[in-house]
């Protein structure tokens, strides 16, 4: 059964690859990007997001089966915060009415394993509060210092994963029958990363931050196929997840125990029981 997809960032990288796979199998794809797409739109501005969503909805005839949000930047500039967070959240919210017209609506977006790396908490808080003016002001301060500029990217990605987790179970998404999830890639071989990976020194730096023991750097297809499954009819119950498809980087960096943060009270209870039994 052919489905209608709207894909942001369809002009390059993961978005372009995903769009091509879907078109090759017979689906309808409406691409959104700054240039060379079905919808030419600027997701760094509020007006651009609304206009792009309206045009994509018009081209789809009012019904969209899935939105895959891939548009993003990785430069240490405040525009990265605007595109990576508001360019996703506000665009998706504007597309929600067209999704509800589908019999099996789905949404997936690109986060990053960088969401697990150091961030600037004030920027994350401003993004999650939906205060774009404050977020861009904070990002501008971070941008001015070479030591903090890279925190803009990781902060935007942590914020988008937290937004997905916060919003997915709510009335707008789960309540409307729309699974909302994210994918967190590792180091993907795209035009965005080609300069970093062009030298042994650059590659070593990247690998120190993003260790990928399983098959090393990944092709965009590895992410595209996961995005396509998340937006398929078969995905009926994944909700609010960021799935780290990263060659093992998450497992290496966070280790085997991501659960014990919630065990303190239980440990105290068992300690009391053990003490009573001993007495």
C-alpha atoms as a PDB file:
ATOM      1  CA  UNK A   1       0.000   0.000   0.000  1.00  0.00           C
ATOM      2  CA  UNK A   2       1.480   3.311  -1.101  1.00  0.00           C
ATOM      3  CA  UNK A   3       1.822   5.970   1.586  1.00  0.00           C
ATOM      4  CA  UNK A   4       2.424   9.718   1.456  1.00  0.00           C
ATOM      5  CA  UNK A   5       5.507  10.985   3.295  1.00  0.00           C
ATOM      6  CA  UNK A   6       6.720  14.490   4.054  1.00  0.00           C
ATOM      7  CA  UNK A   7      10.480  14.585   4.639  1.00  0.00           C
ATOM      8  CA  UNK A   8      12.388  17.642   5.801  1.00  0.00           C
ATOM      9  CA  UNK A   9      16.048  17.896   4.887  1.00  0.00           C
ATOM     10  CA  UNK A  10      15.253  15.900   1.747  1.00  0.00           C
ATOM     11  CA  UNK A  11      17.928  17.647  -0.314  1.00  0.00           C
ATOM     12  CA  UNK A  12      20.936  15.895   1.206  1.00  0.00           C
ATOM     13  CA  UNK A  13      22.246  13.294   3.625  1.00  0.00           C
ATOM     14  CA  UNK A  14      19.859  11.043   5.521  1.00  0.00           C
ATOM     15  CA  UNK A  15      16.774  12.877   4.300  1.00  0.00           C
ATOM     16  CA  UNK A  16      17.726  12.511   0.649  1.00  0.00           C
ATOM     17  CA  UNK A  17      18.557   8.832   1.074  1.00  0.00           C
ATOM     18  CA  UNK A  18      15.303   8.141   2.892  1.00  0.00           C
ATOM     19  CA  UNK A  19      13.280   9.948   0.236  1.00  0.00           C
ATOM     20  CA  UNK A  20      14.927   7.965  -2.554  1.00  0.00           C
ATOM     21  CA  UNK A  21      14.306   4.598  -0.897  1.00  0.00           C
ATOM     22  CA  UNK A  22      10.635   5.462  -0.412  1.00  0.00           C
ATOM     23  CA  UNK A  23      10.196   6.717  -3.961  1.00  0.00           C
ATOM     24  CA  UNK A  24      11.897   3.630  -5.360  1.00  0.00           C
ATOM     25  CA  UNK A  25       9.386   1.398  -3.604  1.00  0.00           C
ATOM     26  CA  UNK A  26       6.436   3.406  -4.898  1.00  0.00           C
ATOM     27  CA  UNK A  27       5.550   5.770  -2.079  1.00  0.00           C
ATOM     28  CA  UNK A  28       4.765   9.445  -2.575  1.00  0.00           C
ATOM     29  CA  UNK A  29       7.372  11.750  -1.070  1.00  0.00           C
ATOM     30  CA  UNK A  30       7.074  15.497  -0.607  1.00  0.00           C
ATOM     31  CA  UNK A  31      10.514  16.831   0.149  1.00  0.00           C
ATOM     32  CA  UNK A  32      11.146  20.009   2.144  1.00  0.00           C
ATOM     33  CA  UNK A  33      14.470  21.837   2.044  1.00  0.00           C
ATOM     34  CA  UNK A  34      16.105  25.207   1.498  1.00  0.00           C
ATOM     35  CA  UNK A  35      16.561  24.489  -2.212  1.00  0.00           C
ATOM     36  CA  UNK A  36      15.906  21.849  -4.830  1.00  0.00           C
ATOM     37  CA  UNK A  37      12.896  20.313  -3.087  1.00  0.00           C
ATOM     38  CA  UNK A  38       9.161  20.011  -3.669  1.00  0.00           C
ATOM     39  CA  UNK A  39       8.685  22.571  -0.920  1.00  0.00           C
ATOM     40  CA  UNK A  40      11.350  25.241  -0.594  1.00  0.00           C
ATOM     41  CA  UNK A  41      11.236  26.469   2.973  1.00  0.00           C
ATOM     42  CA  UNK A  42      13.387  27.968   5.695  1.00  0.00           C
ATOM     43  CA  UNK A  43      12.895  26.035   8.928  1.00  0.00           C
ATOM     44  CA  UNK A  44      15.086  28.443  10.875  1.00  0.00           C
ATOM     45  CA  UNK A  45      12.191  30.913  11.138  1.00  0.00           C
ATOM     46  CA  UNK A  46       8.688  30.619  12.569  1.00  0.00           C
ATOM     47  CA  UNK A  47       7.092  31.950   9.378  1.00  0.00           C
ATOM     48  CA  UNK A  48       9.149  29.578   7.259  1.00  0.00           C
ATOM     49  CA  UNK A  49       8.043  26.553   9.278  1.00  0.00           C
ATOM     50  CA  UNK A  50       4.356  27.412   9.056  1.00  0.00           C
ATOM     51  CA  UNK A  51       4.567  28.190   5.333  1.00  0.00           C
ATOM     52  CA  UNK A  52       6.467  24.975   4.571  1.00  0.00           C
ATOM     53  CA  UNK A  53       3.951  22.865   6.484  1.00  0.00           C
ATOM     54  CA  UNK A  54       1.026  24.551   4.737  1.00  0.00           C
ATOM     55  CA  UNK A  55       2.529  23.941   1.299  1.00  0.00           C
ATOM     56  CA  UNK A  56       3.406  20.324   2.088  1.00  0.00           C
ATOM     57  CA  UNK A  57      -0.146  19.752   3.309  1.00  0.00           C
ATOM     58  CA  UNK A  58      -1.532  21.342   0.123  1.00  0.00           C
ATOM     59  CA  UNK A  59       0.629  19.164  -2.114  1.00  0.00           C
ATOM     60  CA  UNK A  60      -0.475  16.081  -0.179  1.00  0.00           C
ATOM     61  CA  UNK A  61      -4.122  16.924  -0.684  1.00  0.00           C
ATOM     62  CA  UNK A  62      -4.705  17.424   3.018  1.00  0.00           C
ATOM     63  CA  UNK A  63      -3.702  13.928   4.165  1.00  0.00           C
ATOM     64  CA  UNK A  64      -0.197  12.897   5.171  1.00  0.00           C
ATOM     65  CA  UNK A  65       0.599   9.375   6.334  1.00  0.00           C
ATOM     66  CA  UNK A  66       4.009  10.117   7.827  1.00  0.00           C
ATOM     67  CA  UNK A  67       6.435  12.927   8.514  1.00  0.00           C
ATOM     68  CA  UNK A  68      10.152  12.257   8.799  1.00  0.00           C
ATOM     69  CA  UNK A  69      12.039  15.284  10.103  1.00  0.00           C
ATOM     70  CA  UNK A  70      15.690  15.118   9.047  1.00  0.00           C
ATOM     71  CA  UNK A  71      16.566  18.786   8.525  1.00  0.00           C
ATOM     72  CA  UNK A  72      19.351  19.804  10.863  1.00  0.00           C
ATOM     73  CA  UNK A  73      22.670  21.571  11.287  1.00  0.00           C
ATOM     74  CA  UNK A  74      25.823  20.731  13.216  1.00  0.00           C
ATOM     75  CA  UNK A  75      27.634  24.061  13.137  1.00  0.00           C
ATOM     76  CA  UNK A  76      28.487  25.985  16.351  1.00  0.00           C
ATOM     77  CA  UNK A  77      26.032  28.765  15.514  1.00  0.00           C
ATOM     78  CA  UNK A  78      22.731  29.833  17.048  1.00  0.00           C
ATOM     79  CA  UNK A  79      20.896  28.906  13.832  1.00  0.00           C
ATOM     80  CA  UNK A  80      21.616  25.286  14.771  1.00  0.00           C
ATOM     81  CA  UNK A  81      19.352  25.628  17.813  1.00  0.00           C
ATOM     82  CA  UNK A  82      16.627  27.214  15.696  1.00  0.00           C
ATOM     83  CA  UNK A  83      16.632  24.506  13.017  1.00  0.00           C
ATOM     84  CA  UNK A  84      17.349  21.444  15.153  1.00  0.00           C
ATOM     85  CA  UNK A  85      14.683  22.153  17.747  1.00  0.00           C
ATOM     86  CA  UNK A  86      12.054  24.633  16.607  1.00  0.00           C
ATOM     87  CA  UNK A  87      12.467  23.608  12.971  1.00  0.00           C
ATOM     88  CA  UNK A  88      11.322  20.168  14.038  1.00  0.00           C
ATOM     89  CA  UNK A  89       8.814  20.795  16.821  1.00  0.00           C
ATOM     90  CA  UNK A  90       6.906  23.659  15.210  1.00  0.00           C
ATOM     91  CA  UNK A  91       6.908  22.032  11.780  1.00  0.00           C
ATOM     92  CA  UNK A  92       5.588  18.763  13.217  1.00  0.00           C
ATOM     93  CA  UNK A  93       2.912  20.542  15.218  1.00  0.00           C
ATOM     94  CA  UNK A  94       1.817  22.363  12.058  1.00  0.00           C
ATOM     95  CA  UNK A  95       1.635  19.023  10.195  1.00  0.00           C
ATOM     96  CA  UNK A  96      -0.402  17.300  12.902  1.00  0.00           C
ATOM     97  CA  UNK A  97      -3.849  18.061  11.413  1.00  0.00           C
ATOM     98  CA  UNK A  98      -2.859  16.488   8.079  1.00  0.00           C
ATOM     99  CA  UNK A  99      -1.548  13.446   9.933  1.00  0.00           C
ATOM    100  CA  UNK A 100      -4.799  12.930  11.811  1.00  0.00           C
ATOM    101  CA  UNK A 101      -6.542  12.546   8.440  1.00  0.00           C
ATOM    102  CA  UNK A 102      -4.496   9.378   7.785  1.00  0.00           C
ATOM    103  CA  UNK A 103      -5.631   5.905   8.800  1.00  0.00           C
ATOM    104  CA  UNK A 104      -2.141   5.103  10.099  1.00  0.00           C
ATOM    105  CA  UNK A 105      -0.207   8.302  10.845  1.00  0.00           C
ATOM    106  CA  UNK A 106       3.403   8.137  12.000  1.00  0.00           C
ATOM    107  CA  UNK A 107       6.209  10.580  12.873  1.00  0.00           C
ATOM    108  CA  UNK A 108       9.950  10.054  13.240  1.00  0.00           C
ATOM    109  CA  UNK A 109      12.757  12.542  13.562  1.00  0.00           C
ATOM    110  CA  UNK A 110      16.520  12.699  13.799  1.00  0.00           C
ATOM    111  CA  UNK A 111      18.151  13.222  17.171  1.00  0.00           C
ATOM    112  CA  UNK A 112      21.754  12.114  17.757  1.00  0.00           C
ATOM    113  CA  UNK A 113      23.914  10.194  20.160  1.00  0.00           C
ATOM    114  CA  UNK A 114      25.246  13.687  20.917  1.00  0.00           C
ATOM    115  CA  UNK A 115      22.094  14.014  23.022  1.00  0.00           C
ATOM    116  CA  UNK A 116      24.026  11.955  25.599  1.00  0.00           C
ATOM    117  CA  UNK A 117      27.046  14.259  25.585  1.00  0.00           C
ATOM    118  CA  UNK A 118      27.708  17.420  27.659  1.00  0.00           C
ATOM    119  CA  UNK A 119      25.184  20.209  27.087  1.00  0.00           C
ATOM    120  CA  UNK A 120      24.436  23.765  28.179  1.00  0.00           C
ATOM    121  CA  UNK A 121      21.523  23.285  30.619  1.00  0.00           C
ATOM    122  CA  UNK A 122      20.190  26.863  30.260  1.00  0.00           C
ATOM    123  CA  UNK A 123      19.892  26.350  26.492  1.00  0.00           C
ATOM    124  CA  UNK A 124      18.153  23.001  26.916  1.00  0.00           C
ATOM    125  CA  UNK A 125      15.724  24.570  29.383  1.00  0.00           C
ATOM    126  CA  UNK A 126      14.930  27.488  27.061  1.00  0.00           C
ATOM    127  CA  UNK A 127      14.334  25.156  24.133  1.00  0.00           C
ATOM    128  CA  UNK A 128      12.021  22.913  26.120  1.00  0.00           C
ATOM    129  CA  UNK A 129      10.158  25.971  27.394  1.00  0.00           C
ATOM    130  CA  UNK A 130       9.470  26.938  23.775  1.00  0.00           C
ATOM    131  CA  UNK A 131      11.139  30.321  24.262  1.00  0.00           C
ATOM    132  CA  UNK A 132      12.937  30.785  20.958  1.00  0.00           C
ATOM    133  CA  UNK A 133      14.116  34.317  21.677  1.00  0.00           C
ATOM    134  CA  UNK A 134      15.746  33.262  24.940  1.00  0.00           C
ATOM    135  CA  UNK A 135      17.206  30.115  23.382  1.00  0.00           C
ATOM    136  CA  UNK A 136      18.790  32.043  20.523  1.00  0.00           C
ATOM    137  CA  UNK A 137      20.192  34.621  22.930  1.00  0.00           C
ATOM    138  CA  UNK A 138      21.828  31.876  24.986  1.00  0.00           C
ATOM    139  CA  UNK A 139      23.085  30.166  21.828  1.00  0.00           C
ATOM    140  CA  UNK A 140      24.592  33.461  20.665  1.00  0.00           C
ATOM    141  CA  UNK A 141      26.602  33.666  23.897  1.00  0.00           C
ATOM    142  CA  UNK A 142      27.786  30.085  23.458  1.00  0.00           C
ATOM    143  CA  UNK A 143      28.687  30.793  19.834  1.00  0.00           C
ATOM    144  CA  UNK A 144      30.931  33.680  20.860  1.00  0.00           C
ATOM    145  CA  UNK A 145      33.269  31.368  22.764  1.00  0.00           C
ATOM    146  CA  UNK A 146      35.046  28.602  20.795  1.00  0.00           C
ATOM    147  CA  UNK A 147      35.098  26.511  23.986  1.00  0.00           C
ATOM    148  CA  UNK A 148      31.295  26.426  24.236  1.00  0.00           C
ATOM    149  CA  UNK A 149      30.063  26.728  20.646  1.00  0.00           C
ATOM    150  CA  UNK A 150      29.808  22.981  20.137  1.00  0.00           C
ATOM    151  CA  UNK A 151      27.405  22.728  23.086  1.00  0.00           C
ATOM    152  CA  UNK A 152      24.716  24.251  20.874  1.00  0.00           C
ATOM    153  CA  UNK A 153      24.445  21.069  18.812  1.00  0.00           C
ATOM    154  CA  UNK A 154      24.398  18.605  21.702  1.00  0.00           C
ATOM    155  CA  UNK A 155      21.942  20.813  23.605  1.00  0.00           C
ATOM    156  CA  UNK A 156      19.575  20.957  20.636  1.00  0.00           C
ATOM    157  CA  UNK A 157      19.678  17.180  20.290  1.00  0.00           C
ATOM    158  CA  UNK A 158      19.130  16.479  23.974  1.00  0.00           C
ATOM    159  CA  UNK A 159      16.219  18.917  23.931  1.00  0.00           C
ATOM    160  CA  UNK A 160      14.616  17.280  20.898  1.00  0.00           C
ATOM    161  CA  UNK A 161      14.891  13.804  22.444  1.00  0.00           C
ATOM    162  CA  UNK A 162      13.372  15.122  25.652  1.00  0.00           C
ATOM    163  CA  UNK A 163      10.594  16.832  23.689  1.00  0.00           C
ATOM    164  CA  UNK A 164       9.795  13.537  21.962  1.00  0.00           C
ATOM    165  CA  UNK A 165       9.663  11.715  25.289  1.00  0.00           C
ATOM    166  CA  UNK A 166       7.536  14.433  26.891  1.00  0.00           C
ATOM    167  CA  UNK A 167       5.080  14.942  24.047  1.00  0.00           C
ATOM    168  CA  UNK A 168       4.695  11.468  22.517  1.00  0.00           C
ATOM    169  CA  UNK A 169       2.382  10.009  25.206  1.00  0.00           C
ATOM    170  CA  UNK A 170       0.112  13.055  25.199  1.00  0.00           C
ATOM    171  CA  UNK A 171      -3.201  13.847  23.554  1.00  0.00           C
ATOM    172  CA  UNK A 172      -1.739  15.463  20.433  1.00  0.00           C
ATOM    173  CA  UNK A 173       0.273  12.391  19.431  1.00  0.00           C
ATOM    174  CA  UNK A 174      -0.535   9.117  21.226  1.00  0.00           C
ATOM    175  CA  UNK A 175      -4.048  10.344  21.912  1.00  0.00           C
ATOM    176  CA  UNK A 176      -4.532  10.853  18.186  1.00  0.00           C
ATOM    177  CA  UNK A 177      -3.051   7.451  17.347  1.00  0.00           C
ATOM    178  CA  UNK A 178       0.266   8.878  16.109  1.00  0.00           C
ATOM    179  CA  UNK A 179       3.483   7.139  17.199  1.00  0.00           C
ATOM    180  CA  UNK A 180       6.171   9.811  17.670  1.00  0.00           C
ATOM    181  CA  UNK A 181       9.784   8.635  17.960  1.00  0.00           C
ATOM    182  CA  UNK A 182      13.362   9.628  17.210  1.00  0.00           C
ATOM    183  CA  UNK A 183      16.530   7.984  15.932  1.00  0.00           C
ATOM    184  CA  UNK A 184      19.932   8.820  17.404  1.00  0.00           C
ATOM    185  CA  UNK A 185      22.656   8.141  14.808  1.00  0.00           C
ATOM    186  CA  UNK A 186      26.356   7.845  15.461  1.00  0.00           C
ATOM    187  CA  UNK A 187      28.814   9.158  12.863  1.00  0.00           C
ATOM    188  CA  UNK A 188      27.028   9.031   9.515  1.00  0.00           C
ATOM    189  CA  UNK A 189      28.968   9.429   6.283  1.00  0.00           C
ATOM    190  CA  UNK A 190      27.288  12.451   4.697  1.00  0.00           C
ATOM    191  CA  UNK A 191      28.354  15.832   3.289  1.00  0.00           C
ATOM    192  CA  UNK A 192      27.958  17.186   6.841  1.00  0.00           C
ATOM    193  CA  UNK A 193      30.748  14.940   8.160  1.00  0.00           C
ATOM    194  CA  UNK A 194      33.006  14.545   5.127  1.00  0.00           C
ATOM    195  CA  UNK A 195      35.407  17.329   6.134  1.00  0.00           C
ATOM    196  CA  UNK A 196      35.792  15.938   9.666  1.00  0.00           C
ATOM    197  CA  UNK A 197      36.544  12.468   8.321  1.00  0.00           C
ATOM    198  CA  UNK A 198      38.873  13.639   5.560  1.00  0.00           C
ATOM    199  CA  UNK A 199      42.067  13.305   7.636  1.00  0.00           C
ATOM    200  CA  UNK A 200      43.370  10.692  10.088  1.00  0.00           C
ATOM    201  CA  UNK A 201      43.487  13.369  12.780  1.00  0.00           C
ATOM    202  CA  UNK A 202      39.888  14.365  12.210  1.00  0.00           C
ATOM    203  CA  UNK A 203      38.738  10.764  12.169  1.00  0.00           C
ATOM    204  CA  UNK A 204      40.576  10.022  15.417  1.00  0.00           C
ATOM    205  CA  UNK A 205      38.943  13.015  17.090  1.00  0.00           C
ATOM    206  CA  UNK A 206      35.485  11.926  15.954  1.00  0.00           C
ATOM    207  CA  UNK A 207      36.039   8.341  17.056  1.00  0.00           C
ATOM    208  CA  UNK A 208      37.201   9.434  20.501  1.00  0.00           C
ATOM    209  CA  UNK A 209      33.889  11.209  21.027  1.00  0.00           C
ATOM    210  CA  UNK A 210      31.689   8.701  19.186  1.00  0.00           C
ATOM    211  CA  UNK A 211      33.196   5.212  19.577  1.00  0.00           C
ATOM    212  CA  UNK A 212      31.493   2.803  17.145  1.00  0.00           C
ATOM    213  CA  UNK A 213      32.737  -0.778  17.679  1.00  0.00           C
ATOM    214  CA  UNK A 214      30.072  -2.278  15.395  1.00  0.00           C
ATOM    215  CA  UNK A 215      31.039  -1.654  11.746  1.00  0.00           C
ATOM    216  CA  UNK A 216      32.461   1.823  12.440  1.00  0.00           C
ATOM    217  CA  UNK A 217      31.031   4.844  10.584  1.00  0.00           C
ATOM    218  CA  UNK A 218      27.624   4.235   9.129  1.00  0.00           C
ATOM    219  CA  UNK A 219      25.948   4.900   5.814  1.00  0.00           C
ATOM    220  CA  UNK A 220      22.810   7.050   5.659  1.00  0.00           C
ATOM    221  CA  UNK A 221      20.904   3.928   4.605  1.00  0.00           C
ATOM    222  CA  UNK A 222      21.395   2.456   8.098  1.00  0.00           C
ATOM    223  CA  UNK A 223      19.352   5.321   9.526  1.00  0.00           C
ATOM    224  CA  UNK A 224      16.917   5.621   6.624  1.00  0.00           C
ATOM    225  CA  UNK A 225      15.664   2.052   6.987  1.00  0.00           C
ATOM    226  CA  UNK A 226      15.024   2.550  10.710  1.00  0.00           C
ATOM    227  CA  UNK A 227      13.145   5.795  10.065  1.00  0.00           C
ATOM    228  CA  UNK A 228      11.066   4.015   7.445  1.00  0.00           C
ATOM    229  CA  UNK A 229      10.156   1.221   9.865  1.00  0.00           C
ATOM    230  CA  UNK A 230       9.237   3.686  12.608  1.00  0.00           C
ATOM    231  CA  UNK A 231       6.851   5.390  10.165  1.00  0.00           C
ATOM    232  CA  UNK A 232       5.414   2.143   8.820  1.00  0.00           C
ATOM    233  CA  UNK A 233       2.025   0.660   9.603  1.00  0.00           C
ATOM    234  CA  UNK A 234       3.848  -2.168  11.396  1.00  0.00           C
ATOM    235  CA  UNK A 235       5.051   0.194  14.131  1.00  0.00           C
ATOM    236  CA  UNK A 236       2.004   0.335  16.347  1.00  0.00           C
ATOM    237  CA  UNK A 237       3.467   0.759  19.849  1.00  0.00           C
ATOM    238  CA  UNK A 238       6.880   2.470  19.883  1.00  0.00           C
ATOM    239  CA  UNK A 239       6.157   5.723  21.691  1.00  0.00           C
ATOM    240  CA  UNK A 240       8.505   8.499  22.797  1.00  0.00           C
ATOM    241  CA  UNK A 241      11.694   6.576  22.122  1.00  0.00           C
ATOM    242  CA  UNK A 242      15.074   7.729  20.883  1.00  0.00           C
ATOM    243  CA  UNK A 243      16.547   4.608  19.319  1.00  0.00           C
ATOM    244  CA  UNK A 244      20.322   4.877  19.239  1.00  0.00           C
ATOM    245  CA  UNK A 245      21.438   3.355  15.948  1.00  0.00           C
ATOM    246  CA  UNK A 246      25.068   4.284  16.540  1.00  0.00           C
ATOM    247  CA  UNK A 247      27.340   1.282  16.144  1.00  0.00           C
ATOM    248  CA  UNK A 248      27.440   0.786  19.903  1.00  0.00           C
ATOM    249  CA  UNK A 249      28.457   4.304  20.953  1.00  0.00           C
ATOM    250  CA  UNK A 250      25.694   4.598  23.542  1.00  0.00           C
ATOM    251  CA  UNK A 251      26.547   1.197  25.034  1.00  0.00           C
ATOM    252  CA  UNK A 252      30.246   2.079  25.244  1.00  0.00           C
ATOM    253  CA  UNK A 253      29.736   5.522  26.761  1.00  0.00           C
ATOM    254  CA  UNK A 254      26.914   4.767  29.210  1.00  0.00           C
ATOM    255  CA  UNK A 255      27.898   1.206  30.037  1.00  0.00           C
ATOM    256  CA  UNK A 256      25.699  -1.685  31.065  1.00  0.00           C
ATOM    257  CA  UNK A 257      23.702   0.001  33.851  1.00  0.00           C
ATOM    258  CA  UNK A 258      21.219   2.698  32.925  1.00  0.00           C
ATOM    259  CA  UNK A 259      18.673   1.523  35.479  1.00  0.00           C
ATOM    260  CA  UNK A 260      20.132   1.886  38.961  1.00  0.00           C
ATOM    261  CA  UNK A 261      19.269   5.612  39.204  1.00  0.00           C
ATOM    262  CA  UNK A 262      15.774   4.392  40.114  1.00  0.00           C
ATOM    263  CA  UNK A 263      16.824   1.816  42.677  1.00  0.00           C
ATOM    264  CA  UNK A 264      17.878   3.924  45.688  1.00  0.00           C
ATOM    265  CA  UNK A 265      14.571   3.596  47.508  1.00  0.00           C
ATOM    266  CA  UNK A 266      14.380  -0.129  46.830  1.00  0.00           C
ATOM    267  CA  UNK A 267      17.925  -0.604  48.114  1.00  0.00           C
ATOM    268  CA  UNK A 268      17.002   1.200  51.347  1.00  0.00           C
ATOM    269  CA  UNK A 269      13.932  -0.992  51.770  1.00  0.00           C
ATOM    270  CA  UNK A 270      15.903  -4.194  51.313  1.00  0.00           C
ATOM    271  CA  UNK A 271      18.594  -2.910  53.679  1.00  0.00           C
ATOM    272  CA  UNK A 272      15.938  -2.446  56.371  1.00  0.00           C
ATOM    273  CA  UNK A 273      14.552  -5.937  55.762  1.00  0.00           C
ATOM    274  CA  UNK A 274      18.020  -7.443  55.900  1.00  0.00           C
ATOM    275  CA  UNK A 275      18.753  -5.595  59.163  1.00  0.00           C
ATOM    276  CA  UNK A 276      15.519  -6.844  60.756  1.00  0.00           C
ATOM    277  CA  UNK A 277      16.245 -10.406  59.702  1.00  0.00           C
ATOM    278  CA  UNK A 278      19.757 -10.171  61.119  1.00  0.00           C
ATOM    279  CA  UNK A 279      18.405  -8.835  64.400  1.00  0.00           C
END
